[in-house]
Amino acid sequence: MTSGIDPDANLAAIDRAMGEAAAGGAAMAFLPEMSLLLDRDRARSAAHVAREADSPWPAALQAMAQKHGLWLHSGSMPLLADDGQRRVNRSHIIAADGSIRARYDKIHMFDVTLPSGENWTESAAYAGGDAMAVVETPLGQLGLSICYDLRFPELYRALTERGATLIAIPAAFTVSTGEAHWHVLMRARAIETGCHVIAAAQSGTHADGRETYGHSLAVDPWGAVLSDAGTGSETGDRGYRLSFAPIAGAAVDRARQAIPLARSRANRDIAL
């Protein structure tokens, strides 16, 4: 997606995309990080950001999932934390009947100064989550993470130990870090866990002035890229680019039998 600062426009784009996904035979749709509102102007975005109980966004996505008969990963959305002080960056997994099956708050905050000169301090506005989540979906046991979580492989090992067979990594990657690290890290997370990785991404130049890398990916457990949506702005009446990827559960078994990481790890007791 090329999400902007108008949540209604973003919701309309999501509705159209889900309709196309359902017509194309998809079992589940995945959205990128901050799919409903991508705005680094915190004062301007504050008018739209509420506690989940008071926000219209989850209910709108639940209605879309039910309307289109699709499971949905919301990517993520900004919501107020329960204490009302800072925000949380929260994902929802919504079943085709409209029920919310899981929630996940991004754990690792993007507090960095990049070689490009960009400075991001996510923790100034957002509180990090403190709980992992694995949820049963039509595609398998889905482990949840968001964007900067990608750089912490211990999280993905823990998700796999909890039964994950595929992992979602919705993102709004910067161009400079995306060019350097996006594909290699996504493939690494797939290979080292023996999981499918599905990484829906923001792409192009956004209304708030930022640029994101794009290249929404689906990667199989052997590290092969199944789908790459490319890059560029998808503005106007679409605001998104749709791609399809086959998710075969047998691929997980084949990868884990070929490289039995869990068994090999269990056979070694190393004191560090």
C-alpha atoms as a PDB file:
ATOM      1  CA  MET A   1       0.000   0.000   0.000  1.00  0.00           C
ATOM      2  CA  THR A   2       0.797   3.678  -0.204  1.00  0.00           C
ATOM      3  CA  SER A   3      -1.228   4.571   2.876  1.00  0.00           C
ATOM      4  CA  GLY A   4      -1.835   8.229   3.621  1.00  0.00           C
ATOM      5  CA  ILE A   5      -3.132  10.569   6.289  1.00  0.00           C
ATOM      6  CA  ASP A   6      -6.859  10.017   5.555  1.00  0.00           C
ATOM      7  CA  PRO A   7      -8.118   6.845   7.284  1.00  0.00           C
ATOM      8  CA  ASP A   8     -11.339   6.789   5.234  1.00  0.00           C
ATOM      9  CA  ALA A   9      -9.378   6.729   1.978  1.00  0.00           C
ATOM     10  CA  ASN A  10      -7.133   3.972   3.324  1.00  0.00           C
ATOM     11  CA  LEU A  11     -10.164   1.926   4.413  1.00  0.00           C
ATOM     12  CA  ALA A  12     -11.737   2.328   0.976  1.00  0.00           C
ATOM     13  CA  ALA A  13      -8.543   1.064  -0.673  1.00  0.00           C
ATOM     14  CA  ILE A  14      -8.430  -1.915   1.696  1.00  0.00           C
ATOM     15  CA  ASP A  15     -12.059  -2.764   0.897  1.00  0.00           C
ATOM     16  CA  ARG A  16     -11.329  -2.747  -2.845  1.00  0.00           C
ATOM     17  CA  ALA A  17      -8.189  -4.818  -2.414  1.00  0.00           C
ATOM     18  CA  MET A  18     -10.007  -7.412  -0.306  1.00  0.00           C
ATOM     19  CA  GLY A  19     -12.698  -7.683  -2.942  1.00  0.00           C
ATOM     20  CA  GLU A  20     -10.053  -8.360  -5.590  1.00  0.00           C
ATOM     21  CA  ALA A  21      -8.260 -10.828  -3.313  1.00  0.00           C
ATOM     22  CA  ALA A  22     -11.459 -12.756  -2.664  1.00  0.00           C
ATOM     23  CA  ALA A  23     -12.299 -12.813  -6.379  1.00  0.00           C
ATOM     24  CA  GLY A  24      -8.795 -14.155  -7.062  1.00  0.00           C
ATOM     25  CA  GLY A  25      -9.290 -17.082  -4.699  1.00  0.00           C
ATOM     26  CA  ALA A  26      -7.249 -15.915  -1.710  1.00  0.00           C
ATOM     27  CA  ALA A  27      -7.821 -17.540   1.673  1.00  0.00           C
ATOM     28  CA  MET A  28      -6.306 -14.674   3.652  1.00  0.00           C
ATOM     29  CA  ALA A  29      -5.268 -11.068   3.017  1.00  0.00           C
ATOM     30  CA  PHE A  30      -2.256  -9.339   4.583  1.00  0.00           C
ATOM     31  CA  LEU A  31      -1.907  -5.559   4.958  1.00  0.00           C
ATOM     32  CA  PRO A  32       1.242  -3.550   5.792  1.00  0.00           C
ATOM     33  CA  GLU A  33       2.225  -1.759   8.966  1.00  0.00           C
ATOM     34  CA  MET A  34       0.113   1.361   9.624  1.00  0.00           C
ATOM     35  CA  SER A  35      -2.290   0.423   6.847  1.00  0.00           C
ATOM     36  CA  LEU A  36      -5.091   2.636   8.176  1.00  0.00           C
ATOM     37  CA  LEU A  37      -3.043   5.734   8.973  1.00  0.00           C
ATOM     38  CA  LEU A  38       0.549   6.544   8.039  1.00  0.00           C
ATOM     39  CA  ASP A  39       1.316  10.010   9.413  1.00  0.00           C
ATOM     40  CA  ARG A  40       4.472  11.084  11.223  1.00  0.00           C
ATOM     41  CA  ASP A  41       2.822  14.374  12.267  1.00  0.00           C
ATOM     42  CA  ARG A  42       1.742  13.289  15.729  1.00  0.00           C
ATOM     43  CA  ALA A  43      -0.354  16.370  16.410  1.00  0.00           C
ATOM     44  CA  ARG A  44      -2.328  15.941  13.175  1.00  0.00           C
ATOM     45  CA  SER A  45      -2.789  12.197  13.579  1.00  0.00           C
ATOM     46  CA  ALA A  46      -3.961  12.553  17.198  1.00  0.00           C
ATOM     47  CA  ALA A  47      -7.484  13.382  16.028  1.00  0.00           C
ATOM     48  CA  HIS A  48      -7.807   9.866  14.630  1.00  0.00           C
ATOM     49  CA  VAL A  49      -6.050   7.800  17.312  1.00  0.00           C
ATOM     50  CA  ALA A  50      -8.146   6.346  20.159  1.00  0.00           C
ATOM     51  CA  ARG A  51      -8.181   3.372  22.497  1.00  0.00           C
ATOM     52  CA  GLU A  52      -9.258   0.218  20.718  1.00  0.00           C
ATOM     53  CA  ALA A  53     -12.635   0.197  22.478  1.00  0.00           C
ATOM     54  CA  ASP A  54     -13.332   3.687  21.092  1.00  0.00           C
ATOM     55  CA  SER A  55     -11.784   3.279  17.636  1.00  0.00           C
ATOM     56  CA  PRO A  56     -13.987   2.584  14.577  1.00  0.00           C
ATOM     57  CA  TRP A  57     -11.151   0.882  12.700  1.00  0.00           C
ATOM     58  CA  PRO A  58     -11.242  -2.686  14.081  1.00  0.00           C
ATOM     59  CA  ALA A  59     -14.996  -2.902  13.534  1.00  0.00           C
ATOM     60  CA  ALA A  60     -14.624  -1.607   9.969  1.00  0.00           C
ATOM     61  CA  LEU A  61     -12.060  -4.307   9.186  1.00  0.00           C
ATOM     62  CA  GLN A  62     -14.191  -6.970  10.860  1.00  0.00           C
ATOM     63  CA  ALA A  63     -17.104  -5.997   8.622  1.00  0.00           C
ATOM     64  CA  MET A  64     -14.872  -6.195   5.530  1.00  0.00           C
ATOM     65  CA  ALA A  65     -13.589  -9.661   6.459  1.00  0.00           C
ATOM     66  CA  GLN A  66     -17.144 -10.886   6.859  1.00  0.00           C
ATOM     67  CA  LYS A  67     -18.324  -9.148   3.678  1.00  0.00           C
ATOM     68  CA  HIS A  68     -15.588 -10.674   1.525  1.00  0.00           C
ATOM     69  CA  GLY A  69     -15.366 -14.027   3.330  1.00  0.00           C
ATOM     70  CA  LEU A  70     -11.625 -13.589   3.906  1.00  0.00           C
ATOM     71  CA  TRP A  71      -9.337 -13.952   6.872  1.00  0.00           C
ATOM     72  CA  LEU A  72      -7.432 -10.706   7.369  1.00  0.00           C
ATOM     73  CA  HIS A  73      -4.153  -9.623   8.917  1.00  0.00           C
ATOM     74  CA  SER A  74      -4.636  -5.900   9.534  1.00  0.00           C
ATOM     75  CA  GLY A  75      -0.915  -5.140   9.190  1.00  0.00           C
ATOM     76  CA  SER A  76      -1.055  -2.710  12.067  1.00  0.00           C
ATOM     77  CA  MET A  77      -2.771   0.455  13.241  1.00  0.00           C
ATOM     78  CA  PRO A  78      -1.959   3.162  15.804  1.00  0.00           C
ATOM     79  CA  LEU A  79      -4.141   3.016  18.902  1.00  0.00           C
ATOM     80  CA  LEU A  80      -3.928   4.634  22.308  1.00  0.00           C
ATOM     81  CA  ALA A  81      -2.581   2.407  25.049  1.00  0.00           C
ATOM     82  CA  ASP A  82      -5.018   1.609  27.822  1.00  0.00           C
ATOM     83  CA  ASP A  83      -3.373   4.210  30.065  1.00  0.00           C
ATOM     84  CA  GLY A  84      -4.046   6.874  27.425  1.00  0.00           C
ATOM     85  CA  GLN A  85      -0.474   8.185  27.571  1.00  0.00           C
ATOM     86  CA  ARG A  86       1.351   6.688  24.610  1.00  0.00           C
ATOM     87  CA  ARG A  87       0.236   4.753  21.566  1.00  0.00           C
ATOM     88  CA  VAL A  88       0.607   1.109  20.629  1.00  0.00           C
ATOM     89  CA  ASN A  89       1.348  -0.271  17.156  1.00  0.00           C
ATOM     90  CA  ARG A  90      -1.200  -3.123  17.039  1.00  0.00           C
ATOM     91  CA  SER A  91      -1.975  -5.959  14.647  1.00  0.00           C
ATOM     92  CA  HIS A  92      -5.278  -7.815  14.507  1.00  0.00           C
ATOM     93  CA  ILE A  93      -6.014 -11.222  13.031  1.00  0.00           C
ATOM     94  CA  ILE A  94      -9.648 -11.314  11.916  1.00  0.00           C
ATOM     95  CA  ALA A  95     -11.445 -14.485  10.815  1.00  0.00           C
ATOM     96  CA  ALA A  96     -13.781 -14.654   7.824  1.00  0.00           C
ATOM     97  CA  ASP A  97     -16.729 -14.557  10.225  1.00  0.00           C
ATOM     98  CA  GLY A  98     -15.557 -11.148  11.475  1.00  0.00           C
ATOM     99  CA  SER A  99     -14.257 -12.303  14.855  1.00  0.00           C
ATOM    100  CA  ILE A 100     -10.896 -11.060  16.155  1.00  0.00           C
ATOM    101  CA  ARG A 101      -8.738 -14.126  16.805  1.00  0.00           C
ATOM    102  CA  ALA A 102      -5.517 -12.451  17.981  1.00  0.00           C
ATOM    103  CA  ARG A 103      -3.860  -9.123  18.748  1.00  0.00           C
ATOM    104  CA  TYR A 104      -0.193  -8.230  18.839  1.00  0.00           C
ATOM    105  CA  ASP A 105       1.557  -5.015  19.905  1.00  0.00           C
ATOM    106  CA  LYS A 106       4.923  -4.345  18.273  1.00  0.00           C
ATOM    107  CA  ILE A 107       7.643  -5.171  20.792  1.00  0.00           C
ATOM    108  CA  HIS A 108      10.768  -3.458  19.438  1.00  0.00           C
ATOM    109  CA  MET A 109      10.709   0.300  18.933  1.00  0.00           C
ATOM    110  CA  PHE A 110      12.465   1.876  15.940  1.00  0.00           C
ATOM    111  CA  ASP A 111      14.839   4.289  17.690  1.00  0.00           C
ATOM    112  CA  VAL A 112      17.680   4.813  15.221  1.00  0.00           C
ATOM    113  CA  THR A 113      19.863   7.337  13.416  1.00  0.00           C
ATOM    114  CA  LEU A 114      20.564   6.014   9.948  1.00  0.00           C
ATOM    115  CA  PRO A 115      23.620   6.647   7.737  1.00  0.00           C
ATOM    116  CA  SER A 116      21.254   8.553   5.423  1.00  0.00           C
ATOM    117  CA  GLY A 117      20.754  11.119   8.205  1.00  0.00           C
ATOM    118  CA  GLU A 118      17.205  10.026   8.995  1.00  0.00           C
ATOM    119  CA  ASN A 119      16.363   9.984  12.702  1.00  0.00           C
ATOM    120  CA  TRP A 120      13.428   8.005  14.057  1.00  0.00           C
ATOM    121  CA  THR A 121      12.403   7.800  17.719  1.00  0.00           C
ATOM    122  CA  GLU A 122       9.333   5.592  17.817  1.00  0.00           C
ATOM    123  CA  SER A 123       9.447   5.217  21.602  1.00  0.00           C
ATOM    124  CA  ALA A 124       8.714   8.925  22.016  1.00  0.00           C
ATOM    125  CA  ALA A 125       5.103   8.226  21.061  1.00  0.00           C
ATOM    126  CA  TYR A 126       4.713   4.438  21.245  1.00  0.00           C
ATOM    127  CA  ALA A 127       4.925   1.903  24.047  1.00  0.00           C
ATOM    128  CA  GLY A 128       6.389  -1.473  23.117  1.00  0.00           C
ATOM    129  CA  GLY A 129       4.389  -4.625  23.606  1.00  0.00           C
ATOM    130  CA  ASP A 130       5.387  -7.380  26.016  1.00  0.00           C
ATOM    131  CA  ALA A 131       3.713 -10.531  24.644  1.00  0.00           C
ATOM    132  CA  MET A 132       4.213 -12.855  21.696  1.00  0.00           C
ATOM    133  CA  ALA A 133       1.316 -14.263  19.693  1.00  0.00           C
ATOM    134  CA  VAL A 134       0.775 -17.371  17.575  1.00  0.00           C
ATOM    135  CA  VAL A 135      -2.700 -17.940  16.128  1.00  0.00           C
ATOM    136  CA  GLU A 136      -4.328 -20.688  14.083  1.00  0.00           C
ATOM    137  CA  THR A 137      -5.346 -19.569  10.568  1.00  0.00           C
ATOM    138  CA  PRO A 138      -6.376 -21.357   7.356  1.00  0.00           C
ATOM    139  CA  LEU A 139      -2.721 -21.099   6.250  1.00  0.00           C
ATOM    140  CA  GLY A 140      -1.295 -22.641   9.422  1.00  0.00           C
ATOM    141  CA  GLN A 141      -0.050 -21.445  12.796  1.00  0.00           C
ATOM    142  CA  LEU A 142       0.764 -17.757  12.259  1.00  0.00           C
ATOM    143  CA  GLY A 143       3.402 -16.017  14.374  1.00  0.00           C
ATOM    144  CA  LEU A 144       3.019 -12.257  14.653  1.00  0.00           C
ATOM    145  CA  SER A 145       5.613  -9.492  14.446  1.00  0.00           C
ATOM    146  CA  ILE A 146       5.895  -5.988  12.992  1.00  0.00           C
ATOM    147  CA  CYS A 147       8.643  -4.256  10.994  1.00  0.00           C
ATOM    148  CA  TYR A 148      11.646  -3.531  13.277  1.00  0.00           C
ATOM    149  CA  ASP A 149      10.976  -6.823  15.104  1.00  0.00           C
ATOM    150  CA  LEU A 150      12.555  -8.359  11.978  1.00  0.00           C
ATOM    151  CA  ARG A 151      16.030  -7.593  13.318  1.00  0.00           C
ATOM    152  CA  PHE A 152      15.650  -9.734  16.452  1.00  0.00           C
ATOM    153  CA  PRO A 153      15.960 -13.394  15.431  1.00  0.00           C
ATOM    154  CA  GLU A 154      15.389 -14.612  18.983  1.00  0.00           C
ATOM    155  CA  LEU A 155      11.749 -13.524  18.651  1.00  0.00           C
ATOM    156  CA  TYR A 156      11.273 -15.762  15.603  1.00  0.00           C
ATOM    157  CA  ARG A 157      12.946 -18.741  17.252  1.00  0.00           C
ATOM    158  CA  ALA A 158      10.535 -18.314  20.175  1.00  0.00           C
ATOM    159  CA  LEU A 159       7.535 -18.083  17.818  1.00  0.00           C
ATOM    160  CA  THR A 160       8.650 -21.280  16.103  1.00  0.00           C
ATOM    161  CA  GLU A 161       9.036 -23.026  19.439  1.00  0.00           C
ATOM    162  CA  ARG A 162       5.414 -22.054  20.110  1.00  0.00           C
ATOM    163  CA  GLY A 163       4.321 -23.810  16.939  1.00  0.00           C
ATOM    164  CA  ALA A 164       4.486 -21.154  14.206  1.00  0.00           C
ATOM    165  CA  THR A 165       4.649 -22.486  10.640  1.00  0.00           C
ATOM    166  CA  LEU A 166       4.379 -19.075   8.998  1.00  0.00           C
ATOM    167  CA  ILE A 167       5.300 -15.597  10.166  1.00  0.00           C
ATOM    168  CA  ALA A 168       3.835 -12.206   9.333  1.00  0.00           C
ATOM    169  CA  ILE A 169       6.165  -9.187   9.209  1.00  0.00           C
ATOM    170  CA  PRO A 170       4.102  -6.181   8.033  1.00  0.00           C
ATOM    171  CA  ALA A 171       6.353  -3.180   7.541  1.00  0.00           C
ATOM    172  CA  ALA A 172       6.934   0.434   6.539  1.00  0.00           C
ATOM    173  CA  PHE A 173      10.663   0.106   5.819  1.00  0.00           C
ATOM    174  CA  THR A 174      12.743   3.146   4.929  1.00  0.00           C
ATOM    175  CA  VAL A 175      14.281   3.133   1.459  1.00  0.00           C
ATOM    176  CA  SER A 176      17.878   3.138   2.708  1.00  0.00           C
ATOM    177  CA  THR A 177      17.447   0.196   5.086  1.00  0.00           C
ATOM    178  CA  GLY A 178      15.226  -1.627   2.625  1.00  0.00           C
ATOM    179  CA  GLU A 179      17.805  -1.475  -0.149  1.00  0.00           C
ATOM    180  CA  ALA A 180      20.453  -2.834   2.207  1.00  0.00           C
ATOM    181  CA  HIS A 181      18.619  -5.388   4.304  1.00  0.00           C
ATOM    182  CA  TRP A 182      14.981  -6.126   3.353  1.00  0.00           C
ATOM    183  CA  HIS A 183      15.286  -9.164   1.096  1.00  0.00           C
ATOM    184  CA  VAL A 184      18.210 -10.781   2.889  1.00  0.00           C
ATOM    185  CA  LEU A 185      16.620 -10.496   6.353  1.00  0.00           C
ATOM    186  CA  MET A 186      13.237 -11.793   5.194  1.00  0.00           C
ATOM    187  CA  ARG A 187      14.881 -14.794   3.539  1.00  0.00           C
ATOM    188  CA  ALA A 188      17.048 -15.366   6.626  1.00  0.00           C
ATOM    189  CA  ARG A 189      14.032 -15.396   8.958  1.00  0.00           C
ATOM    190  CA  ALA A 190      12.322 -17.947   6.690  1.00  0.00           C
ATOM    191  CA  ILE A 191      15.397 -20.190   6.422  1.00  0.00           C
ATOM    192  CA  GLU A 192      16.350 -20.158  10.103  1.00  0.00           C
ATOM    193  CA  THR A 193      12.799 -20.941  11.277  1.00  0.00           C
ATOM    194  CA  GLY A 194      11.642 -23.236   8.484  1.00  0.00           C
ATOM    195  CA  CYS A 195       8.564 -21.040   8.137  1.00  0.00           C
ATOM    196  CA  HIS A 196       6.828 -19.182   5.363  1.00  0.00           C
ATOM    197  CA  VAL A 197       7.306 -15.429   5.793  1.00  0.00           C
ATOM    198  CA  ILE A 198       4.653 -12.992   4.599  1.00  0.00           C
ATOM    199  CA  ALA A 199       5.744  -9.358   4.647  1.00  0.00           C
ATOM    200  CA  ALA A 200       3.210  -6.838   3.351  1.00  0.00           C
ATOM    201  CA  ALA A 201       4.900  -3.474   2.943  1.00  0.00           C
ATOM    202  CA  GLN A 202       4.245   0.216   2.520  1.00  0.00           C
ATOM    203  CA  SER A 203       5.615   1.551  -0.765  1.00  0.00           C
ATOM    204  CA  GLY A 204       6.439   4.848  -2.436  1.00  0.00           C
ATOM    205  CA  THR A 205       5.982   8.506  -1.480  1.00  0.00           C
ATOM    206  CA  HIS A 206       3.327   9.130   1.165  1.00  0.00           C
ATOM    207  CA  ALA A 207       1.163  12.117   1.995  1.00  0.00           C
ATOM    208  CA  ASP A 208       3.177  12.806   5.160  1.00  0.00           C
ATOM    209  CA  GLY A 209       6.364  13.175   3.068  1.00  0.00           C
ATOM    210  CA  ARG A 210       8.116   9.937   3.907  1.00  0.00           C
ATOM    211  CA  GLU A 211       9.281   7.355   1.385  1.00  0.00           C
ATOM    212  CA  THR A 212       9.040   3.620   1.955  1.00  0.00           C
ATOM    213  CA  TYR A 213      10.791   0.737   0.230  1.00  0.00           C
ATOM    214  CA  GLY A 214       7.913  -1.498  -0.857  1.00  0.00           C
ATOM    215  CA  HIS A 215       8.662  -5.009  -2.148  1.00  0.00           C
ATOM    216  CA  SER A 216       5.933  -6.886  -0.295  1.00  0.00           C
ATOM    217  CA  LEU A 217       7.299 -10.431  -0.091  1.00  0.00           C
ATOM    218  CA  ALA A 218       6.190 -13.976   0.435  1.00  0.00           C
ATOM    219  CA  VAL A 219       9.111 -16.322   1.101  1.00  0.00           C
ATOM    220  CA  ASP A 220       8.960 -20.102   1.453  1.00  0.00           C
ATOM    221  CA  PRO A 221      10.713 -22.074   4.239  1.00  0.00           C
ATOM    222  CA  TRP A 222      13.675 -22.839   1.951  1.00  0.00           C
ATOM    223  CA  GLY A 223      14.236 -19.126   1.364  1.00  0.00           C
ATOM    224  CA  ALA A 224      12.764 -18.936  -2.141  1.00  0.00           C
ATOM    225  CA  VAL A 225      10.817 -15.758  -2.934  1.00  0.00           C
ATOM    226  CA  LEU A 226       7.290 -16.760  -3.957  1.00  0.00           C
ATOM    227  CA  SER A 227       6.040 -13.233  -4.622  1.00  0.00           C
ATOM    228  CA  ASP A 228       7.573  -9.742  -4.776  1.00  0.00           C
ATOM    229  CA  ALA A 229       5.178  -6.838  -5.363  1.00  0.00           C
ATOM    230  CA  GLY A 230       7.963  -4.464  -6.393  1.00  0.00           C
ATOM    231  CA  THR A 231       8.064  -0.797  -5.530  1.00  0.00           C
ATOM    232  CA  GLY A 232       6.567   2.583  -6.411  1.00  0.00           C
ATOM    233  CA  SER A 233       3.675   4.761  -5.276  1.00  0.00           C
ATOM    234  CA  GLU A 234       0.175   3.409  -5.656  1.00  0.00           C
ATOM    235  CA  THR A 235      -1.782   6.610  -5.153  1.00  0.00           C
ATOM    236  CA  GLY A 236      -5.083   7.822  -6.578  1.00  0.00           C
ATOM    237  CA  ASP A 237      -8.169   5.640  -6.450  1.00  0.00           C
ATOM    238  CA  ARG A 238      -6.283   2.404  -5.721  1.00  0.00           C
ATOM    239  CA  GLY A 239      -3.585   3.073  -3.175  1.00  0.00           C
ATOM    240  CA  TYR A 240      -2.362  -0.520  -3.313  1.00  0.00           C
ATOM    241  CA  ARG A 241      -0.812  -3.228  -5.452  1.00  0.00           C
ATOM    242  CA  LEU A 242      -2.154  -6.748  -5.028  1.00  0.00           C
ATOM    243  CA  SER A 243      -0.057  -9.891  -5.347  1.00  0.00           C
ATOM    244  CA  PHE A 244      -0.858 -13.546  -4.695  1.00  0.00           C
ATOM    245  CA  ALA A 245       1.351 -16.251  -3.206  1.00  0.00           C
ATOM    246  CA  PRO A 246       0.813 -20.016  -2.722  1.00  0.00           C
ATOM    247  CA  ILE A 247       1.346 -21.205   0.853  1.00  0.00           C
ATOM    248  CA  ALA A 248       1.945 -24.981   0.933  1.00  0.00           C
ATOM    249  CA  GLY A 249       2.094 -26.569   4.376  1.00  0.00           C
ATOM    250  CA  ALA A 250       4.165 -29.459   3.018  1.00  0.00           C
ATOM    251  CA  ALA A 251       6.990 -27.017   2.270  1.00  0.00           C
ATOM    252  CA  VAL A 252       7.478 -26.504   6.022  1.00  0.00           C
ATOM    253  CA  ASP A 253       7.829 -30.238   6.614  1.00  0.00           C
ATOM    254  CA  ARG A 254      10.295 -30.615   3.738  1.00  0.00           C
ATOM    255  CA  ALA A 255      12.496 -27.750   4.928  1.00  0.00           C
ATOM    256  CA  ARG A 256      12.530 -28.882   8.543  1.00  0.00           C
ATOM    257  CA  GLN A 257      13.293 -32.489   7.603  1.00  0.00           C
ATOM    258  CA  ALA A 258      16.156 -31.413   5.345  1.00  0.00           C
ATOM    259  CA  ILE A 259      17.694 -29.061   7.944  1.00  0.00           C
ATOM    260  CA  PRO A 260      16.524 -30.327  11.380  1.00  0.00           C
ATOM    261  CA  LEU A 261      17.500 -27.262  13.401  1.00  0.00           C
ATOM    262  CA  ALA A 262      15.364 -28.084  16.437  1.00  0.00           C
ATOM    263  CA  ARG A 263      16.834 -31.589  16.737  1.00  0.00           C
ATOM    264  CA  SER A 264      20.388 -30.385  16.176  1.00  0.00           C
ATOM    265  CA  ARG A 265      19.965 -27.667  18.790  1.00  0.00           C
ATOM    266  CA  ALA A 266      18.566 -30.136  21.324  1.00  0.00           C
ATOM    267  CA  ASN A 267      21.598 -32.374  20.856  1.00  0.00           C
ATOM    268  CA  ARG A 268      24.032 -29.631  21.878  1.00  0.00           C
ATOM    269  CA  ASP A 269      24.319 -28.167  25.355  1.00  0.00           C
ATOM    270  CA  ILE A 270      26.703 -25.236  25.105  1.00  0.00           C
ATOM    271  CA  ALA A 271      27.543 -23.052  28.081  1.00  0.00           C
ATOM    272  CA  LEU A 272      28.327 -19.493  27.024  1.00  0.00           C
END
